[in-house]
Amino acid sequence: MNRWMPFEWIAALRFLREGRMQTLFIIAGVSVGIAVIVFMSALLTGLQANLTKRVLSSQSHVTLQPRDEIARPLRLDGEDLELAIVQMPLQRVRSIDQWQGLVRVLQDDPAIVAVSPVAAGSALAVRGDATRSVSIVGIEPDSYFRIVRLPDNIAAGTVRLSSQDIVIGTELARYLGIGVGDRLTLTSGVRTSGALTVTAIFDLGSRPVNERYVYIPLRTAQSLLDLIGCVTSIELTIADVYAAETVARRLQTMTGAAAYSWIATNAQFFSAVQAQSLSSGVIRLFVALSVALGIASVLVVSVIQRSKDIGILRAMGTSRGQTLRIFLIQGALIGLIGAVVGSALGAGGLLVFHDHVRQADGSELIPLVLERSLFVAAALLATLTGVLAAMAPALRASRLDPVVAIRG
């Protein structure tokens, strides 16, 4: 097989075999570094996916709402302002203009996955002598459940939303002492609903949401809030959750409505995720530097130890370019082999962590996310690091004078 290999590859493999102990130790070092990178990257990806899923379990990616009412200063004809102080007006519950046509336009947008109109407002939930302030969310189940996966988070009952049905959270159910099949009355200040039947109780993993939100059919909410034929917001799910802010700005310019992304409404959470990603990136950088220094140090020693061999090869006609490539190939092979072994170690460690580190109820603490792109990136990073680390020793070897090298 060797006769079909280029000379540089034959020499590089022979040098690696002759210094097998050095080669094994540096491959072990590279493997540990790559294992750390793979383990941390996959763990961070799973953690971020889990946190993002929890944050978005009860809200849309982008919300369109009517713009706030603005107080305009009063002017007299041809004179200065009559009022020096302008107070902000009270914000009324208002509808989005021509929302049906806007929904059709948004459904044709390739960046948007799901669109759902919503009629929302405040009300009192009444059961006997117990009352609780709640937020009514009037929805069309078929479209809304593509945005908020309510049926996947049901603690009791089955989601059904006919005109006289309601779905409430676990905390509200506990406070009112109510269960599936019981009746509940909503009072909005404008009018009072008839007794609604609780068909399901949800748990979205957020106490404020479970305590305050109630879901009823869109038409029932419109009637209760005196918003006949109107909606207060349009909820959207987009393909790339991290592009929500860009999409929100584009839709705000296009529609004239106020657009809010989940990134803007959860600014502290998003800043924490960015800080976490930055710190992980810094750690990966230092690990890569340590791997590069390890490869470079071993190859520098190899050049010194094999100075006579390199001198003989140069005297036999080996060009500077061939000598340079011999050591670059060694660096690339060390990096690639270390990446393969390290990726296996990192993936194995992640599987052990996922199987043994669990929540109190036995469910997974962090989702297991092993993407093919992570292993490809690790292999490319290690190989490139190996080549760059080998550059200085390779240049030194290629510049050796054959006579001086043979004399020692």
Protein backbone atom coordinates (compact mmCIF):
# COMPACT_ATOMS: atom_id res chain seq x y z
CA MET A 1 0.00 0.00 0.00
CA ASN A 2 2.91 2.34 0.79
CA ARG A 3 4.06 2.45 -2.81
CA TRP A 4 0.81 4.11 -3.78
CA MET A 5 1.11 6.74 -1.03
CA PRO A 6 2.86 10.08 -1.58
CA PHE A 7 6.33 10.32 -0.07
CA GLU A 8 5.25 12.93 2.48
CA TRP A 9 2.60 10.59 3.91
CA ILE A 10 5.04 7.66 4.14
CA ALA A 11 7.59 9.79 6.03
CA ALA A 12 4.96 11.34 8.31
CA LEU A 13 3.48 7.96 9.30
CA ARG A 14 6.95 6.51 9.89
CA PHE A 15 7.93 9.41 12.16
CA LEU A 16 4.70 8.97 14.14
CA ARG A 17 5.28 5.21 14.52
CA GLU A 18 8.90 5.61 15.62
CA GLY A 19 7.91 8.06 18.34
CA ARG A 20 4.80 6.11 19.27
CA MET A 21 4.91 6.96 22.99
CA GLN A 22 5.06 10.67 22.28
CA THR A 23 2.36 10.22 19.65
CA LEU A 24 0.05 8.33 22.01
CA PHE A 25 0.47 10.89 24.79
CA ILE A 26 -0.29 13.87 22.59
CA ILE A 27 -3.26 12.07 20.98
CA ALA A 28 -4.54 11.39 24.51
CA GLY A 29 -4.17 15.08 25.35
CA VAL A 30 -5.96 16.14 22.18
CA SER A 31 -8.71 13.58 22.87
CA VAL A 32 -9.34 14.94 26.35
CA GLY A 33 -9.51 18.50 25.01
CA ILE A 34 -11.96 17.56 22.25
CA ALA A 35 -14.02 15.50 24.71
CA VAL A 36 -14.37 18.57 26.93
CA ILE A 37 -15.42 20.70 23.96
CA VAL A 38 -17.99 18.13 22.72
CA PHE A 39 -19.38 17.52 26.20
CA MET A 40 -19.72 21.21 27.05
CA SER A 41 -21.14 22.16 23.66
CA ALA A 42 -23.79 19.42 23.68
CA LEU A 43 -24.65 20.10 27.33
CA LEU A 44 -25.01 23.83 26.68
CA THR A 45 -27.13 23.19 23.56
CA GLY A 46 -29.45 20.92 25.54
CA LEU A 47 -29.65 23.37 28.44
CA GLN A 48 -30.48 26.30 26.16
CA ALA A 49 -33.05 24.23 24.27
CA ASN A 50 -34.68 23.23 27.56
CA LEU A 51 -34.74 26.79 28.93
CA THR A 52 -36.04 28.22 25.66
CA LYS A 53 -38.75 25.55 25.51
CA ARG A 54 -39.85 26.42 29.05
CA VAL A 55 -39.94 30.14 28.30
CA LEU A 56 -41.87 29.65 25.05
CA SER A 57 -44.27 27.03 26.43
CA SER A 58 -46.79 29.72 27.37
CA GLN A 59 -46.17 32.46 24.81
CA SER A 60 -45.74 33.11 21.12
CA HIS A 61 -42.51 34.05 19.37
CA VAL A 62 -43.91 37.35 18.10
CA THR A 63 -47.07 39.23 19.12
CA LEU A 64 -48.78 41.95 17.07
CA GLN A 65 -50.92 44.44 19.00
CA PRO A 66 -52.56 47.81 18.32
CA ARG A 67 -50.24 50.73 18.94
CA ASP A 68 -50.71 52.67 22.17
CA GLU A 69 -52.94 55.70 22.04
CA ILE A 70 -50.95 58.94 22.06
CA ALA A 71 -52.12 62.26 23.50
CA ARG A 72 -51.65 65.03 20.97
CA PRO A 73 -51.12 68.61 22.18
CA LEU A 74 -53.96 71.03 21.52
CA ARG A 75 -53.14 74.04 19.35
CA LEU A 76 -55.10 77.16 18.67
CA ASP A 77 -55.16 78.43 15.10
CA GLY A 78 -52.02 80.42 14.42
CA GLU A 79 -50.99 80.53 18.09
CA ASP A 80 -48.67 78.69 20.46
CA LEU A 81 -49.58 75.58 22.39
CA GLU A 82 -52.53 76.03 24.66
CA LEU A 83 -51.53 73.18 26.99
CA ALA A 84 -47.97 73.08 28.35
CA ILE A 85 -48.37 69.66 29.99
CA VAL A 86 -49.75 66.68 28.09
CA GLN A 87 -50.85 63.60 30.04
CA MET A 88 -50.78 60.10 28.61
CA PRO A 89 -54.31 58.82 27.95
CA LEU A 90 -55.70 55.67 29.51
CA GLN A 91 -55.17 52.69 27.23
CA ARG A 92 -58.45 51.08 26.18
CA VAL A 93 -58.88 47.52 24.97
CA ARG A 94 -58.78 47.97 21.22
CA SER A 95 -58.80 45.77 18.15
CA ILE A 96 -56.27 45.42 15.35
CA ASP A 97 -57.66 47.10 12.24
CA GLN A 98 -58.60 44.74 9.39
CA TRP A 99 -57.12 41.81 11.27
CA GLN A 100 -58.70 39.15 9.01
CA GLY A 101 -56.77 40.40 5.96
CA LEU A 102 -53.61 40.78 8.03
CA VAL A 103 -53.87 37.15 9.18
CA ARG A 104 -54.04 35.98 5.55
CA VAL A 105 -50.96 38.05 4.66
CA LEU A 106 -49.00 36.69 7.62
CA GLN A 107 -49.93 33.09 6.76
CA ASP A 108 -48.22 33.55 3.37
CA ASP A 109 -44.97 34.80 4.96
CA PRO A 110 -42.28 32.07 4.61
CA ALA A 111 -40.65 33.01 7.93
CA ILE A 112 -43.89 32.42 9.86
CA VAL A 113 -45.01 28.91 10.85
CA ALA A 114 -48.33 29.58 12.61
CA VAL A 115 -50.71 32.53 13.02
CA SER A 116 -53.56 32.82 15.52
CA PRO A 117 -55.87 35.75 16.40
CA VAL A 118 -56.53 36.29 20.12
CA ALA A 119 -59.06 38.33 22.09
CA ALA A 120 -57.66 38.94 25.57
CA GLY A 121 -58.67 41.01 28.58
CA SER A 122 -59.10 41.02 32.34
CA ALA A 123 -61.96 39.50 34.29
CA LEU A 124 -62.96 38.01 37.62
CA ALA A 125 -63.35 34.26 38.01
CA VAL A 126 -66.21 33.60 40.42
CA ARG A 127 -67.16 30.35 42.12
CA GLY A 128 -69.44 30.72 45.11
CA ASP A 129 -67.86 33.23 47.49
CA ALA A 130 -64.38 32.84 45.98
CA THR A 131 -63.13 35.27 43.34
CA ARG A 132 -59.86 35.61 41.49
CA SER A 133 -58.56 38.15 38.99
CA VAL A 134 -57.71 36.36 35.73
CA SER A 135 -56.59 37.09 32.20
CA ILE A 136 -59.03 35.83 29.59
CA VAL A 137 -57.41 34.42 26.45
CA GLY A 138 -59.95 33.87 23.69
CA ILE A 139 -58.53 31.53 21.07
CA GLU A 140 -59.22 29.46 17.98
CA PRO A 141 -57.91 26.08 19.21
CA ASP A 142 -56.79 24.70 15.84
CA SER A 143 -54.41 27.58 15.15
CA TYR A 144 -53.49 28.58 18.71
CA PHE A 145 -52.38 25.11 19.76
CA ARG A 146 -49.74 25.23 17.02
CA ILE A 147 -48.23 28.16 18.93
CA VAL A 148 -48.78 27.22 22.59
CA ARG A 149 -48.79 23.43 23.01
CA LEU A 150 -51.53 23.48 25.60
CA PRO A 151 -52.74 19.89 24.96
CA ASP A 152 -49.21 18.63 25.76
CA ASN A 153 -49.34 20.22 29.22
CA ILE A 154 -52.67 19.03 30.56
CA ALA A 155 -52.68 17.88 34.20
CA ALA A 156 -56.31 16.72 34.23
CA GLY A 157 -59.16 16.36 31.74
CA THR A 158 -59.15 16.73 27.97
CA VAL A 159 -58.94 20.01 26.08
CA ARG A 160 -62.31 20.84 24.57
CA LEU A 161 -63.40 24.40 23.82
CA SER A 162 -66.99 24.72 22.70
CA SER A 163 -68.92 27.93 23.40
CA GLN A 164 -69.53 27.04 27.09
CA ASP A 165 -66.14 25.49 27.94
CA ILE A 166 -63.08 26.83 29.74
CA VAL A 167 -59.54 25.57 30.44
CA ILE A 168 -57.79 26.81 33.58
CA GLY A 169 -54.41 26.42 35.30
CA THR A 170 -53.51 24.20 38.24
CA GLU A 171 -52.93 27.09 40.67
CA LEU A 172 -56.28 28.73 39.87
CA ALA A 173 -58.04 25.37 40.21
CA ARG A 174 -56.43 24.85 43.62
CA TYR A 175 -57.34 28.35 44.83
CA LEU A 176 -60.98 28.08 43.74
CA GLY A 177 -61.30 24.44 44.77
CA ILE A 178 -62.46 23.47 41.31
CA GLY A 179 -61.97 20.38 39.17
CA VAL A 180 -62.76 19.03 35.73
CA GLY A 181 -66.51 19.14 35.08
CA ASP A 182 -67.19 21.94 37.59
CA ARG A 183 -68.77 25.24 36.61
CA LEU A 184 -67.11 28.67 36.70
CA THR A 185 -68.44 32.17 36.04
CA LEU A 186 -66.40 35.00 34.46
CA THR A 187 -67.25 38.70 34.99
CA SER A 188 -65.45 41.24 32.82
CA GLY A 189 -66.99 44.50 34.07
CA VAL A 190 -68.83 44.82 30.77
CA ARG A 191 -70.96 41.72 31.12
CA THR A 192 -71.04 38.36 32.86
CA SER A 193 -70.71 35.03 31.15
CA GLY A 194 -72.96 32.12 31.81
CA ALA A 195 -71.54 29.28 33.84
CA LEU A 196 -68.64 27.76 31.89
CA THR A 197 -67.63 24.12 32.27
CA VAL A 198 -64.01 23.32 33.13
CA THR A 199 -62.93 20.68 30.59
CA ALA A 200 -59.20 20.59 31.40
CA ILE A 201 -56.61 21.88 33.86
CA PHE A 202 -53.18 22.77 32.46
CA ASP A 203 -49.69 23.09 33.95
CA LEU A 204 -47.35 25.19 31.79
CA GLY A 205 -44.53 25.10 34.35
CA SER A 206 -45.02 28.73 35.43
CA ARG A 207 -46.91 29.57 38.61
CA PRO A 208 -48.07 33.05 37.43
CA VAL A 209 -49.42 31.55 34.18
CA ASN A 210 -51.12 28.65 35.96
CA GLU A 211 -52.68 31.06 38.43
CA ARG A 212 -53.89 33.79 36.09
CA TYR A 213 -54.55 32.57 32.54
CA VAL A 214 -57.85 31.01 31.45
CA TYR A 215 -58.58 29.87 27.89
CA ILE A 216 -62.01 30.15 26.31
CA PRO A 217 -63.28 30.14 22.70
CA LEU A 218 -62.58 33.28 20.67
CA ARG A 219 -66.26 34.16 20.12
CA THR A 220 -67.06 33.73 23.81
CA ALA A 221 -64.19 36.08 24.73
CA GLN A 222 -65.29 38.64 22.13
CA SER A 223 -68.79 38.67 23.59
CA LEU A 224 -67.57 38.82 27.19
CA LEU A 225 -65.12 41.68 26.53
CA ASP A 226 -67.53 43.56 24.24
CA LEU A 227 -65.17 43.06 21.28
CA ILE A 228 -67.65 41.63 18.79
CA GLY A 229 -65.73 40.72 15.62
CA CYS A 230 -62.50 42.12 17.03
CA VAL A 231 -59.17 40.75 18.30
CA THR A 232 -56.64 42.37 20.61
CA SER A 233 -53.54 40.61 19.26
CA ILE A 234 -52.22 38.24 16.63
CA GLU A 235 -49.86 35.56 17.93
CA LEU A 236 -47.11 34.16 15.70
CA THR A 237 -44.68 31.28 15.69
CA ILE A 238 -41.64 31.63 13.42
CA ALA A 239 -39.18 29.09 12.05
CA ASP A 240 -36.06 30.52 13.74
CA VAL A 241 -36.85 31.47 17.34
CA TYR A 242 -33.62 33.49 17.68
CA ALA A 243 -34.59 35.66 14.69
CA ALA A 244 -37.75 36.80 16.49
CA GLU A 245 -36.53 40.35 17.09
CA THR A 246 -35.59 40.83 13.42
CA VAL A 247 -38.95 39.45 12.27
CA ALA A 248 -40.79 41.64 14.79
CA ARG A 249 -39.14 44.82 13.49
CA ARG A 250 -39.91 43.84 9.90
CA LEU A 251 -43.57 43.11 10.68
CA GLN A 252 -43.94 46.34 12.64
CA THR A 253 -42.74 48.32 9.61
CA MET A 254 -44.90 46.29 7.23
CA THR A 255 -48.17 46.28 9.22
CA GLY A 256 -48.03 49.46 11.28
CA ALA A 257 -48.99 47.49 14.40
CA ALA A 258 -46.79 47.22 17.47
CA ALA A 259 -44.73 44.00 17.33
CA TYR A 260 -43.13 42.42 20.39
CA SER A 261 -40.76 39.44 20.24
CA TRP A 262 -40.19 36.93 23.01
CA ILE A 263 -36.57 38.12 23.10
CA ALA A 264 -37.65 41.67 24.00
CA THR A 265 -40.20 40.53 26.57
CA ASN A 266 -37.66 38.14 28.17
CA ALA A 267 -34.61 40.39 27.92
CA GLN A 268 -32.98 39.21 31.15
CA PHE A 269 -33.31 35.55 30.20
CA PHE A 270 -31.89 36.18 26.73
CA SER A 271 -28.96 38.14 28.20
CA ALA A 272 -28.24 35.22 30.53
CA VAL A 273 -28.26 32.79 27.59
CA GLN A 274 -25.88 35.03 25.64
CA ALA A 275 -23.54 35.32 28.65
CA GLN A 276 -23.60 31.55 29.04
CA SER A 277 -22.74 31.06 25.36
CA LEU A 278 -19.92 33.62 25.61
CA SER A 279 -18.37 31.98 28.67
CA SER A 280 -18.60 28.55 27.02
CA GLY A 281 -16.93 29.96 23.90
CA VAL A 282 -14.05 31.38 25.97
CA ILE A 283 -13.55 27.99 27.67
CA ARG A 284 -13.52 26.23 24.29
CA LEU A 285 -10.96 28.75 23.01
CA PHE A 286 -8.56 28.08 25.89
CA VAL A 287 -8.99 24.32 25.50
CA ALA A 288 -8.17 24.64 21.78
CA LEU A 289 -5.09 26.73 22.61
CA SER A 290 -3.87 24.11 25.09
CA VAL A 291 -4.36 21.41 22.43
CA ALA A 292 -2.43 23.50 19.90
CA LEU A 293 0.46 24.11 22.31
CA GLY A 294 0.63 20.39 23.10
CA ILE A 295 0.83 19.41 19.43
CA ALA A 296 3.38 22.14 18.69
CA SER A 297 5.64 21.15 21.61
CA VAL A 298 5.67 17.47 20.58
CA LEU A 299 6.47 18.30 16.96
CA VAL A 300 9.23 20.73 17.99
CA VAL A 301 10.83 17.93 20.00
CA SER A 302 10.35 15.60 17.02
CA VAL A 303 12.19 18.05 14.74
CA ILE A 304 15.09 18.30 17.18
CA GLN A 305 15.30 14.53 17.66
CA ARG A 306 15.13 13.84 13.95
CA SER A 307 17.44 16.58 12.74
CA LYS A 308 19.87 14.05 11.27
CA ASP A 309 17.06 12.15 9.56
CA ILE A 310 15.72 15.39 8.12
CA GLY A 311 19.24 16.34 7.00
CA ILE A 312 19.68 13.00 5.23
CA LEU A 313 16.29 13.36 3.53
CA ARG A 314 17.23 16.88 2.38
CA ALA A 315 20.62 15.63 1.12
CA MET A 316 18.83 12.87 -0.84
CA GLY A 317 16.77 15.46 -2.68
CA THR A 318 13.73 16.03 -0.51
CA SER A 319 12.54 19.57 -1.20
CA ARG A 320 11.72 22.20 1.44
CA GLY A 321 8.06 21.92 0.46
CA GLN A 322 8.03 18.16 0.99
CA THR A 323 9.72 18.52 4.38
CA LEU A 324 7.17 21.16 5.35
CA ARG A 325 4.28 18.91 4.34
CA ILE A 326 5.66 15.94 6.33
CA PHE A 327 5.20 17.79 9.61
CA LEU A 328 1.94 19.46 8.61
CA ILE A 329 0.53 16.00 7.84
CA GLN A 330 1.68 14.79 11.26
CA GLY A 331 -0.12 17.67 12.96
CA ALA A 332 -3.30 17.08 10.95
CA LEU A 333 -3.29 13.33 11.69
CA ILE A 334 -2.75 13.87 15.42
CA GLY A 335 -5.60 16.39 15.48
CA LEU A 336 -7.97 14.19 13.46
CA ILE A 337 -7.31 11.00 15.45
CA GLY A 338 -7.63 12.95 18.69
CA ALA A 339 -10.93 14.42 17.46
CA VAL A 340 -12.38 10.98 16.67
CA VAL A 341 -11.38 9.54 20.05
CA GLY A 342 -12.36 12.72 21.92
CA SER A 343 -15.76 12.90 20.23
CA ALA A 344 -16.46 9.32 21.29
CA LEU A 345 -15.37 10.10 24.86
CA GLY A 346 -17.46 13.29 24.98
CA ALA A 347 -20.56 11.57 23.60
CA GLY A 348 -20.13 8.67 26.01
CA GLY A 349 -19.74 11.01 28.96
CA LEU A 350 -22.85 12.89 27.91
CA LEU A 351 -24.86 9.65 27.68
CA VAL A 352 -23.73 8.64 31.18
CA PHE A 353 -24.57 12.11 32.52
CA HIS A 354 -28.01 12.04 30.89
CA ASP A 355 -28.82 8.57 32.25
CA HIS A 356 -27.67 9.16 35.83
CA VAL A 357 -28.33 12.86 36.54
CA ARG A 358 -32.10 13.15 36.80
CA GLN A 359 -34.74 15.28 38.46
CA ALA A 360 -36.43 14.13 41.67
CA ASP A 361 -39.35 12.63 39.73
CA GLY A 362 -37.01 10.65 37.45
CA SER A 363 -37.50 12.83 34.37
CA GLU A 364 -34.50 14.09 32.43
CA LEU A 365 -32.75 17.16 33.82
CA ILE A 366 -31.36 18.33 30.49
CA PRO A 367 -32.41 17.03 27.04
CA LEU A 368 -29.85 14.94 25.19
CA VAL A 369 -28.82 16.83 22.06
CA LEU A 370 -26.16 15.17 19.88
CA GLU A 371 -26.02 16.86 16.50
CA ARG A 372 -23.90 15.55 13.64
CA SER A 373 -22.68 19.08 12.97
CA LEU A 374 -21.05 19.17 16.42
CA PHE A 375 -18.82 16.18 15.63
CA VAL A 376 -17.98 17.51 12.16
CA ALA A 377 -17.05 20.87 13.68
CA ALA A 378 -14.92 19.16 16.37
CA ALA A 379 -13.06 17.16 13.71
CA LEU A 380 -12.43 20.24 11.58
CA LEU A 381 -11.36 22.28 14.61
CA ALA A 382 -8.91 19.64 15.83
CA THR A 383 -7.47 19.03 12.35
CA LEU A 384 -7.06 22.74 11.65
CA THR A 385 -5.54 23.27 15.11
CA GLY A 386 -3.11 20.44 14.44
CA VAL A 387 -2.05 21.94 11.10
CA LEU A 388 -1.59 25.43 12.59
CA ALA A 389 0.29 24.06 15.59
CA ALA A 390 2.59 22.12 13.25
CA MET A 391 3.35 25.19 11.16
CA ALA A 392 6.27 26.49 13.27
CA PRO A 393 8.01 23.10 13.67
CA ALA A 394 7.42 22.37 9.96
CA LEU A 395 9.00 25.68 8.92
CA ARG A 396 11.97 24.97 11.18
CA ALA A 397 12.41 21.51 9.69
CA SER A 398 12.17 22.79 6.11
CA ARG A 399 14.87 25.43 6.78
CA LEU A 400 17.42 23.01 8.22
CA ASP A 401 20.73 23.00 6.37
CA PRO A 402 21.43 19.36 5.37
CA VAL A 403 25.17 19.55 6.16
CA VAL A 404 24.67 21.15 9.58
CA ALA A 405 21.83 18.74 10.43
CA ILE A 406 23.89 15.63 9.52
CA ARG A 407 26.90 16.85 11.52
CA GLY A 408 24.57 17.31 14.53
